[in-house]
C-alpha atoms as a PDB file:
ATOM      1  CA  MET A   1       8.096 -55.765  36.399  1.00  0.00           C
ATOM      2  CA  ASN A   2       8.855 -57.885  33.354  1.00  0.00           C
ATOM      3  CA  THR A   3      12.221 -59.496  32.581  1.00  0.00           C
ATOM      4  CA  GLN A   4      13.227 -56.848  30.062  1.00  0.00           C
ATOM      5  CA  THR A   5      12.461 -54.022  32.497  1.00  0.00           C
ATOM      6  CA  LEU A   6      14.378 -55.801  35.268  1.00  0.00           C
ATOM      7  CA  SER A   7      17.319 -56.327  32.938  1.00  0.00           C
ATOM      8  CA  THR A   8      17.288 -52.664  31.933  1.00  0.00           C
ATOM      9  CA  TRP A   9      17.034 -51.563  35.553  1.00  0.00           C
ATOM     10  CA  THR A  10      19.960 -53.810  36.509  1.00  0.00           C
ATOM     11  CA  ARG A  11      22.088 -52.395  33.688  1.00  0.00           C
ATOM     12  CA  GLU A  12      21.193 -48.822  34.585  1.00  0.00           C
ATOM     13  CA  ASN A  13      21.603 -49.345  38.354  1.00  0.00           C
ATOM     14  CA  PRO A  14      24.461 -51.813  38.858  1.00  0.00           C
ATOM     15  CA  LEU A  15      25.286 -50.589  42.364  1.00  0.00           C
ATOM     16  CA  ALA A  16      21.697 -50.969  43.529  1.00  0.00           C
ATOM     17  CA  ALA A  17      21.507 -54.431  41.943  1.00  0.00           C
ATOM     18  CA  GLY A  18      24.749 -55.436  43.684  1.00  0.00           C
ATOM     19  CA  ALA A  19      23.495 -54.023  46.969  1.00  0.00           C
ATOM     20  CA  LEU A  20      20.282 -56.007  46.593  1.00  0.00           C
ATOM     21  CA  ALA A  21      22.256 -59.208  45.956  1.00  0.00           C
ATOM     22  CA  LEU A  22      24.441 -58.464  48.982  1.00  0.00           C
ATOM     23  CA  ALA A  23      21.392 -57.832  51.172  1.00  0.00           C
ATOM     24  CA  VAL A  24      19.814 -61.112  50.085  1.00  0.00           C
ATOM     25  CA  GLY A  25      23.065 -62.933  50.901  1.00  0.00           C
ATOM     26  CA  VAL A  26      23.371 -61.321  54.317  1.00  0.00           C
ATOM     27  CA  ILE A  27      19.765 -62.119  55.149  1.00  0.00           C
ATOM     28  CA  ALA A  28      20.253 -65.731  54.053  1.00  0.00           C
ATOM     29  CA  GLY A  29      23.339 -65.930  56.253  1.00  0.00           C
ATOM     30  CA  LEU A  30      21.481 -64.463  59.206  1.00  0.00           C
ATOM     31  CA  ILE A  31      18.661 -66.977  59.042  1.00  0.00           C
ATOM     32  CA  ALA A  32      20.964 -69.982  58.550  1.00  0.00           C
ATOM     33  CA  PRO A  33      21.595 -71.981  61.727  1.00  0.00           C
ATOM     34  CA  ARG A  34      24.914 -71.394  63.493  1.00  0.00           C
ATOM     35  CA  THR A  35      27.554 -74.078  63.418  1.00  0.00           C
ATOM     36  CA  GLU A  36      29.959 -75.352  66.057  1.00  0.00           C
ATOM     37  CA  ALA A  37      32.870 -74.061  63.992  1.00  0.00           C
ATOM     38  CA  GLU A  38      31.403 -70.547  64.051  1.00  0.00           C
ATOM     39  CA  ASP A  39      30.837 -70.739  67.787  1.00  0.00           C
ATOM     40  CA  ARG A  40      34.449 -71.844  68.382  1.00  0.00           C
ATOM     41  CA  ALA A  41      35.965 -69.318  65.970  1.00  0.00           C
ATOM     42  CA  PHE A  42      33.945 -66.266  66.887  1.00  0.00           C
ATOM     43  CA  GLY A  43      32.542 -66.976  70.344  1.00  0.00           C
ATOM     44  CA  PRO A  44      30.904 -63.900  71.877  1.00  0.00           C
ATOM     45  CA  MET A  45      31.939 -61.672  68.956  1.00  0.00           C
ATOM     46  CA  ARG A  46      29.578 -63.575  66.685  1.00  0.00           C
ATOM     47  CA  ASP A  47      26.416 -62.153  68.230  1.00  0.00           C
ATOM     48  CA  ALA A  48      27.699 -58.569  68.020  1.00  0.00           C
ATOM     49  CA  LEU A  49      28.834 -59.105  64.430  1.00  0.00           C
ATOM     50  CA  PHE A  50      25.497 -60.573  63.426  1.00  0.00           C
ATOM     51  CA  GLU A  51      23.602 -57.778  65.128  1.00  0.00           C
ATOM     52  CA  ARG A  52      25.599 -55.156  63.240  1.00  0.00           C
ATOM     53  CA  ALA A  53      25.290 -57.116  59.988  1.00  0.00           C
ATOM     54  CA  GLY A  54      21.541 -57.383  60.514  1.00  0.00           C
ATOM     55  CA  GLU A  55      21.207 -53.648  61.062  1.00  0.00           C
ATOM     56  CA  ALA A  56      23.321 -52.921  57.975  1.00  0.00           C
ATOM     57  CA  ALA A  57      21.291 -55.400  55.908  1.00  0.00           C
ATOM     58  CA  LEU A  58      18.060 -53.794  57.053  1.00  0.00           C
ATOM     59  CA  GLU A  59      19.272 -50.320  56.090  1.00  0.00           C
ATOM     60  CA  LEU A  60      20.591 -51.611  52.777  1.00  0.00           C
ATOM     61  CA  SER A  61      17.402 -53.489  51.961  1.00  0.00           C
ATOM     62  CA  GLN A  62      15.336 -50.373  52.708  1.00  0.00           C
ATOM     63  CA  SER A  63      17.542 -48.301  50.420  1.00  0.00           C
ATOM     64  CA  VAL A  64      17.364 -50.889  47.642  1.00  0.00           C
ATOM     65  CA  THR A  65      13.604 -51.230  48.118  1.00  0.00           C
ATOM     66  CA  ASP A  66      13.262 -47.490  47.638  1.00  0.00           C
ATOM     67  CA  GLU A  67      15.412 -47.670  44.475  1.00  0.00           C
ATOM     68  CA  VAL A  68      13.389 -50.584  43.070  1.00  0.00           C
ATOM     69  CA  ARG A  69      10.118 -48.833  43.886  1.00  0.00           C
ATOM     70  CA  GLU A  70      11.276 -45.694  42.047  1.00  0.00           C
ATOM     71  CA  ALA A  71      12.472 -47.729  39.051  1.00  0.00           C
ATOM     72  CA  ALA A  72       9.134 -49.559  38.937  1.00  0.00           C
ATOM     73  CA  LYS A  73       7.256 -46.244  38.992  1.00  0.00           C
ATOM     74  CA  GLN A  74       9.379 -45.008  36.108  1.00  0.00           C
ATOM     75  CA  ALA A  75       8.844 -48.240  34.180  1.00  0.00           C
ATOM     76  CA  LEU A  76       5.084 -48.022  34.707  1.00  0.00           C
ATOM     77  CA  ALA A  77       5.094 -44.400  33.568  1.00  0.00           C
ATOM     78  CA  ILE A  78       6.911 -45.406  30.376  1.00  0.00           C
ATOM     79  CA  ASP A  79       4.504 -48.308  29.766  1.00  0.00           C
ATOM     80  CA  ARG A  80       1.474 -46.066  30.375  1.00  0.00           C
ATOM     81  CA  SER A  81       2.770 -43.387  28.049  1.00  0.00           C
ATOM     82  CA  ALA A  82       3.276 -46.014  25.330  1.00  0.00           C
ATOM     83  CA  ALA A  83      -0.244 -47.448  25.651  1.00  0.00           C
ATOM     84  CA  PRO A  84      -2.085 -44.646  23.784  1.00  0.00           C
ATOM     85  CA  ARG A  85       0.387 -44.888  20.877  1.00  0.00           C
ATOM     86  CA  PHE A  86      -0.041 -48.681  20.796  1.00  0.00           C
ATOM     87  CA  TRP A  87      -3.830 -48.528  20.706  1.00  0.00           C
ATOM     88  CA  ALA A  88      -3.788 -45.750  18.116  1.00  0.00           C
ATOM     89  CA  SER A  89      -1.508 -47.729  15.828  1.00  0.00           C
ATOM     90  CA  ALA A  90      -3.528 -50.909  16.412  1.00  0.00           C
ATOM     91  CA  SER A  91      -6.796 -49.200  15.480  1.00  0.00           C
ATOM     92  CA  GLN A  92      -5.219 -47.713  12.338  1.00  0.00           C
ATOM     93  CA  ALA A  93      -3.915 -51.132  11.277  1.00  0.00           C
ATOM     94  CA  SER A  94      -7.380 -52.722  11.389  1.00  0.00           C
END
């Protein structure tokens, strides 16, 4: 997917783009090492919270992946449909 297609997809699907950004942030937070401050503040709740956040992130990432896959298929279909017109115009120009 090129930059222009990604930009168009983001503009046309702002909720999916935001969900993707959120999922990336949650995943980054889940793989970061825990701190003493977190352990003191959250104690046993932390593990339950992270487990639920991990499940939600997994569901969200799957949903966003499906959206991105569909957008990529549509973008490829557009690019493929444009190819014959491009080659026809290129052969007429030469």
